[in-house]
Amino acid sequence: MFAVPQGTVEPRLGITAVEIWCDEVRLSINPDKTGLVAFIRRRKLPGFFEPHLFGVTLHHSMSVKYLGVVLDSWLMWREHVDVKVRKLTICFGHVGGPMV
């Protein structure tokens, strides 16, 4: 599809390929609901750019929810577990009712 010289990386080609493929198969993507998380060990990304998908800027986020699982940039599970514990606490609070 696209020829990229060996040893070089052009991130925009990946986004362009996704846009072309979506047009070919008549698939629509809502860029406003699209999250961008870089799975890295460092806090900052030198030379990071915010790509555009169908003309909408994709902003970097520290975490994203995918199929009910919260993934963060360090692939730690703390945020996911916190969300689940909070939901269970609320659920059990409603089941048990007030304690007398």
N, C-alpha and C. Protein backbone atom coordinates (compact mmCIF):
# COMPACT_ATOMS: atom_id res chain seq x y z
N MET A 1 0.83 -1.18 0.00
CA MET A 1 0.00 0.00 0.00
C MET A 1 0.88 1.26 0.00
N PHE A 2 1.70 1.46 1.06
CA PHE A 2 2.59 2.60 1.15
C PHE A 2 4.02 2.10 1.32
N ALA A 3 4.96 2.74 0.68
CA ALA A 3 6.36 2.35 0.83
C ALA A 3 7.07 3.37 1.71
N VAL A 4 7.59 2.90 2.82
CA VAL A 4 8.32 3.76 3.74
C VAL A 4 9.77 3.29 3.74
N PRO A 5 10.74 4.19 3.52
CA PRO A 5 12.14 3.78 3.53
C PRO A 5 12.49 3.10 4.85
N GLN A 6 13.28 2.03 4.76
CA GLN A 6 13.66 1.27 5.94
C GLN A 6 14.43 2.16 6.92
N GLY A 7 14.09 2.04 8.20
CA GLY A 7 14.77 2.82 9.22
C GLY A 7 14.10 4.15 9.53
N THR A 8 13.05 4.52 8.77
CA THR A 8 12.34 5.76 9.05
C THR A 8 10.92 5.42 9.49
N VAL A 9 10.37 6.29 10.28
CA VAL A 9 9.01 6.10 10.76
C VAL A 9 8.22 7.35 10.42
N GLU A 10 7.11 7.17 9.78
CA GLU A 10 6.22 8.28 9.45
C GLU A 10 4.85 7.97 10.03
N PRO A 11 4.56 8.46 11.25
CA PRO A 11 3.30 8.13 11.91
C PRO A 11 2.07 8.54 11.10
N ARG A 12 2.18 9.59 10.33
CA ARG A 12 1.03 10.07 9.57
C ARG A 12 0.56 9.02 8.55
N LEU A 13 1.48 8.18 8.06
CA LEU A 13 1.10 7.16 7.09
C LEU A 13 0.11 6.17 7.69
N GLY A 14 0.26 5.85 8.95
CA GLY A 14 -0.67 4.94 9.62
C GLY A 14 -2.06 5.53 9.71
N ILE A 15 -2.15 6.79 10.07
CA ILE A 15 -3.44 7.47 10.16
C ILE A 15 -4.07 7.55 8.77
N THR A 16 -3.27 7.90 7.77
CA THR A 16 -3.78 8.00 6.40
C THR A 16 -4.29 6.65 5.92
N ALA A 17 -3.57 5.59 6.24
CA ALA A 17 -3.98 4.24 5.84
C ALA A 17 -5.32 3.88 6.48
N VAL A 18 -5.51 4.25 7.73
CA VAL A 18 -6.78 3.98 8.42
C VAL A 18 -7.91 4.76 7.75
N GLU A 19 -7.68 6.02 7.43
CA GLU A 19 -8.71 6.83 6.78
C GLU A 19 -9.09 6.24 5.41
N ILE A 20 -8.11 5.83 4.64
CA ILE A 20 -8.37 5.25 3.31
C ILE A 20 -9.14 3.95 3.44
N TRP A 21 -8.71 3.10 4.37
CA TRP A 21 -9.38 1.81 4.56
C TRP A 21 -10.83 2.02 4.99
N CYS A 22 -11.06 2.96 5.90
CA CYS A 22 -12.43 3.23 6.35
C CYS A 22 -13.31 3.70 5.19
N ASP A 23 -12.76 4.54 4.32
CA ASP A 23 -13.52 4.99 3.16
C ASP A 23 -13.82 3.83 2.22
N GLU A 24 -12.84 2.94 2.01
CA GLU A 24 -13.03 1.81 1.10
C GLU A 24 -14.10 0.85 1.58
N VAL A 25 -14.15 0.57 2.87
CA VAL A 25 -15.13 -0.39 3.40
C VAL A 25 -16.37 0.31 3.95
N ARG A 26 -16.46 1.61 3.72
CA ARG A 26 -17.61 2.42 4.14
C ARG A 26 -17.87 2.32 5.65
N LEU A 27 -16.78 2.42 6.39
CA LEU A 27 -16.84 2.39 7.85
C LEU A 27 -16.65 3.80 8.36
N SER A 28 -17.47 4.21 9.30
CA SER A 28 -17.29 5.55 9.86
C SER A 28 -16.72 5.44 11.27
N ILE A 29 -15.82 6.35 11.57
CA ILE A 29 -15.19 6.43 12.89
C ILE A 29 -15.53 7.80 13.47
N ASN A 30 -15.87 7.82 14.74
CA ASN A 30 -16.13 9.09 15.41
C ASN A 30 -14.83 9.53 16.08
N PRO A 31 -14.10 10.47 15.46
CA PRO A 31 -12.82 10.90 16.04
C PRO A 31 -12.96 11.52 17.42
N ASP A 32 -14.15 12.08 17.72
CA ASP A 32 -14.35 12.68 19.04
C ASP A 32 -14.35 11.62 20.15
N LYS A 33 -14.63 10.36 19.80
CA LYS A 33 -14.65 9.28 20.79
C LYS A 33 -13.38 8.44 20.70
N THR A 34 -12.41 8.89 19.95
CA THR A 34 -11.18 8.14 19.76
C THR A 34 -10.11 8.63 20.72
N GLY A 35 -9.53 7.73 21.48
CA GLY A 35 -8.50 8.08 22.44
C GLY A 35 -7.12 7.76 21.90
N LEU A 36 -6.14 8.51 22.34
CA LEU A 36 -4.76 8.31 21.92
C LEU A 36 -3.89 8.16 23.16
N VAL A 37 -3.39 6.94 23.37
CA VAL A 37 -2.53 6.66 24.51
C VAL A 37 -1.24 6.06 23.98
N ALA A 38 -0.12 6.61 24.40
CA ALA A 38 1.19 6.06 24.04
C ALA A 38 1.64 5.17 25.19
N PHE A 39 1.84 3.90 24.92
CA PHE A 39 2.27 2.95 25.94
C PHE A 39 3.79 3.02 26.05
N ILE A 40 4.25 3.77 27.06
CA ILE A 40 5.68 4.05 27.23
C ILE A 40 6.06 3.95 28.70
N ARG A 41 7.35 3.98 28.96
CA ARG A 41 7.84 4.01 30.34
C ARG A 41 8.20 5.42 30.78
N ARG A 42 8.38 6.32 29.81
CA ARG A 42 8.74 7.70 30.13
C ARG A 42 7.48 8.55 30.29
N ARG A 43 7.61 9.64 31.01
CA ARG A 43 6.47 10.54 31.17
C ARG A 43 6.24 11.41 29.94
N LYS A 44 7.31 11.85 29.32
CA LYS A 44 7.18 12.77 28.19
C LYS A 44 7.67 12.10 26.92
N LEU A 45 7.04 12.47 25.84
CA LEU A 45 7.43 11.96 24.53
C LEU A 45 8.13 13.07 23.77
N PRO A 46 9.42 12.97 23.56
CA PRO A 46 10.11 14.01 22.79
C PRO A 46 9.66 13.95 21.33
N GLY A 47 9.34 15.09 20.78
CA GLY A 47 8.93 15.16 19.38
C GLY A 47 7.53 14.63 19.12
N PHE A 48 6.71 14.51 20.16
CA PHE A 48 5.36 13.99 19.98
C PHE A 48 4.49 15.01 19.26
N PHE A 49 3.68 14.54 18.35
CA PHE A 49 2.74 15.41 17.66
C PHE A 49 1.34 14.85 17.86
N GLU A 50 0.35 15.70 17.78
CA GLU A 50 -1.03 15.25 17.90
C GLU A 50 -1.58 15.06 16.50
N PRO A 51 -1.80 13.81 16.09
CA PRO A 51 -2.27 13.55 14.73
C PRO A 51 -3.73 13.94 14.53
N HIS A 52 -4.12 14.01 13.28
CA HIS A 52 -5.50 14.33 12.90
C HIS A 52 -6.12 13.09 12.27
N LEU A 53 -7.34 12.78 12.67
CA LEU A 53 -8.10 11.69 12.08
C LEU A 53 -9.38 12.28 11.51
N PHE A 54 -9.53 12.22 10.20
CA PHE A 54 -10.67 12.83 9.50
C PHE A 54 -10.83 14.30 9.88
N GLY A 55 -9.70 15.00 10.00
CA GLY A 55 -9.71 16.43 10.25
C GLY A 55 -9.85 16.84 11.71
N VAL A 56 -9.98 15.89 12.61
CA VAL A 56 -10.12 16.18 14.04
C VAL A 56 -8.82 15.81 14.75
N THR A 57 -8.31 16.72 15.57
CA THR A 57 -7.07 16.48 16.30
C THR A 57 -7.30 15.45 17.40
N LEU A 58 -6.45 14.42 17.42
CA LEU A 58 -6.49 13.41 18.48
C LEU A 58 -5.55 13.85 19.59
N HIS A 59 -6.11 14.12 20.76
CA HIS A 59 -5.31 14.60 21.89
C HIS A 59 -4.79 13.43 22.71
N HIS A 60 -3.58 13.59 23.21
CA HIS A 60 -2.95 12.56 24.04
C HIS A 60 -3.66 12.46 25.37
N SER A 61 -3.85 11.24 25.81
CA SER A 61 -4.49 10.98 27.09
C SER A 61 -3.62 10.02 27.89
N MET A 62 -3.68 10.09 29.19
CA MET A 62 -2.91 9.17 30.03
C MET A 62 -3.59 7.81 30.15
N SER A 63 -4.91 7.75 29.91
CA SER A 63 -5.62 6.47 29.97
C SER A 63 -6.82 6.51 29.02
N VAL A 64 -7.29 5.31 28.68
CA VAL A 64 -8.43 5.18 27.78
C VAL A 64 -9.21 3.94 28.21
N LYS A 65 -10.53 3.98 28.03
CA LYS A 65 -11.36 2.84 28.36
C LYS A 65 -11.66 2.09 27.06
N TYR A 66 -11.32 0.80 27.03
CA TYR A 66 -11.52 -0.02 25.85
C TYR A 66 -12.23 -1.31 26.26
N LEU A 67 -13.44 -1.50 25.77
CA LEU A 67 -14.24 -2.68 26.09
C LEU A 67 -14.36 -2.91 27.60
N GLY A 68 -14.54 -1.82 28.34
CA GLY A 68 -14.73 -1.90 29.77
C GLY A 68 -13.46 -1.99 30.60
N VAL A 69 -12.32 -2.01 29.94
CA VAL A 69 -11.05 -2.09 30.65
C VAL A 69 -10.33 -0.76 30.53
N VAL A 70 -9.89 -0.19 31.65
CA VAL A 70 -9.17 1.07 31.63
C VAL A 70 -7.69 0.76 31.43
N LEU A 71 -7.13 1.23 30.32
CA LEU A 71 -5.71 1.05 30.01
C LEU A 71 -5.00 2.37 30.20
N ASP A 72 -3.92 2.38 30.97
CA ASP A 72 -3.15 3.61 31.12
C ASP A 72 -1.83 3.48 30.36
N SER A 73 -1.13 4.59 30.25
CA SER A 73 0.07 4.63 29.41
C SER A 73 1.21 3.76 29.95
N TRP A 74 1.16 3.39 31.22
CA TRP A 74 2.21 2.54 31.79
C TRP A 74 1.76 1.10 31.91
N LEU A 75 0.56 0.80 31.43
CA LEU A 75 -0.04 -0.53 31.51
C LEU A 75 -0.09 -1.05 32.94
N MET A 76 -0.46 -0.16 33.84
CA MET A 76 -0.70 -0.53 35.23
C MET A 76 -2.21 -0.72 35.37
N TRP A 77 -2.64 -1.42 36.36
CA TRP A 77 -4.06 -1.72 36.51
C TRP A 77 -4.72 -0.91 37.63
N ARG A 78 -3.99 0.02 38.24
CA ARG A 78 -4.50 0.75 39.39
C ARG A 78 -5.82 1.48 39.08
N GLU A 79 -5.85 2.23 37.99
CA GLU A 79 -7.06 3.00 37.67
C GLU A 79 -8.23 2.07 37.38
N HIS A 80 -7.99 0.98 36.66
CA HIS A 80 -9.05 0.02 36.35
C HIS A 80 -9.61 -0.60 37.63
N VAL A 81 -8.71 -1.03 38.51
CA VAL A 81 -9.14 -1.64 39.77
C VAL A 81 -9.90 -0.63 40.62
N ASP A 82 -9.43 0.61 40.68
CA ASP A 82 -10.13 1.65 41.45
C ASP A 82 -11.56 1.84 40.94
N VAL A 83 -11.74 1.86 39.63
CA VAL A 83 -13.08 2.03 39.04
C VAL A 83 -13.97 0.86 39.43
N LYS A 84 -13.45 -0.35 39.33
CA LYS A 84 -14.24 -1.54 39.65
C LYS A 84 -14.59 -1.60 41.14
N VAL A 85 -13.64 -1.25 42.01
CA VAL A 85 -13.90 -1.25 43.45
C VAL A 85 -14.97 -0.22 43.78
N ARG A 86 -14.89 0.96 43.16
CA ARG A 86 -15.90 2.00 43.40
C ARG A 86 -17.29 1.50 43.00
N LYS A 87 -17.39 0.84 41.84
CA LYS A 87 -18.68 0.33 41.37
C LYS A 87 -19.22 -0.76 42.30
N LEU A 88 -18.34 -1.67 42.75
CA LEU A 88 -18.77 -2.72 43.67
C LEU A 88 -19.22 -2.16 45.00
N THR A 89 -18.53 -1.15 45.49
CA THR A 89 -18.90 -0.53 46.76
C THR A 89 -20.30 0.07 46.67
N ILE A 90 -20.57 0.74 45.56
CA ILE A 90 -21.90 1.33 45.36
C ILE A 90 -22.94 0.23 45.25
N CYS A 91 -22.63 -0.82 44.49
CA CYS A 91 -23.56 -1.94 44.29
C CYS A 91 -23.89 -2.62 45.61
N PHE A 92 -22.89 -2.96 46.41
CA PHE A 92 -23.14 -3.63 47.68
C PHE A 92 -23.81 -2.71 48.68
N GLY A 93 -23.57 -1.42 48.57
CA GLY A 93 -24.25 -0.46 49.44
C GLY A 93 -25.74 -0.45 49.18
N HIS A 94 -26.15 -0.59 47.93
CA HIS A 94 -27.57 -0.59 47.58
C HIS A 94 -28.24 -1.93 47.93
N VAL A 95 -27.49 -3.02 47.84
CA VAL A 95 -28.05 -4.35 48.12
C VAL A 95 -28.29 -4.51 49.60
N GLY A 96 -27.29 -4.13 50.41
CA GLY A 96 -27.39 -4.34 51.86
C GLY A 96 -28.31 -3.35 52.54
N GLY A 97 -28.49 -2.21 51.97
CA GLY A 97 -29.31 -1.19 52.60
C GLY A 97 -28.59 -0.57 53.79
N PRO A 98 -29.22 0.36 54.47
CA PRO A 98 -28.57 1.01 55.62
C PRO A 98 -28.46 0.03 56.80
N MET A 99 -27.33 0.08 57.48
CA MET A 99 -27.10 -0.76 58.66
C MET A 99 -27.67 -0.06 59.88
N VAL A 100 -28.38 -0.80 60.69
CA VAL A 100 -28.97 -0.23 61.90
C VAL A 100 -28.26 -0.73 63.10
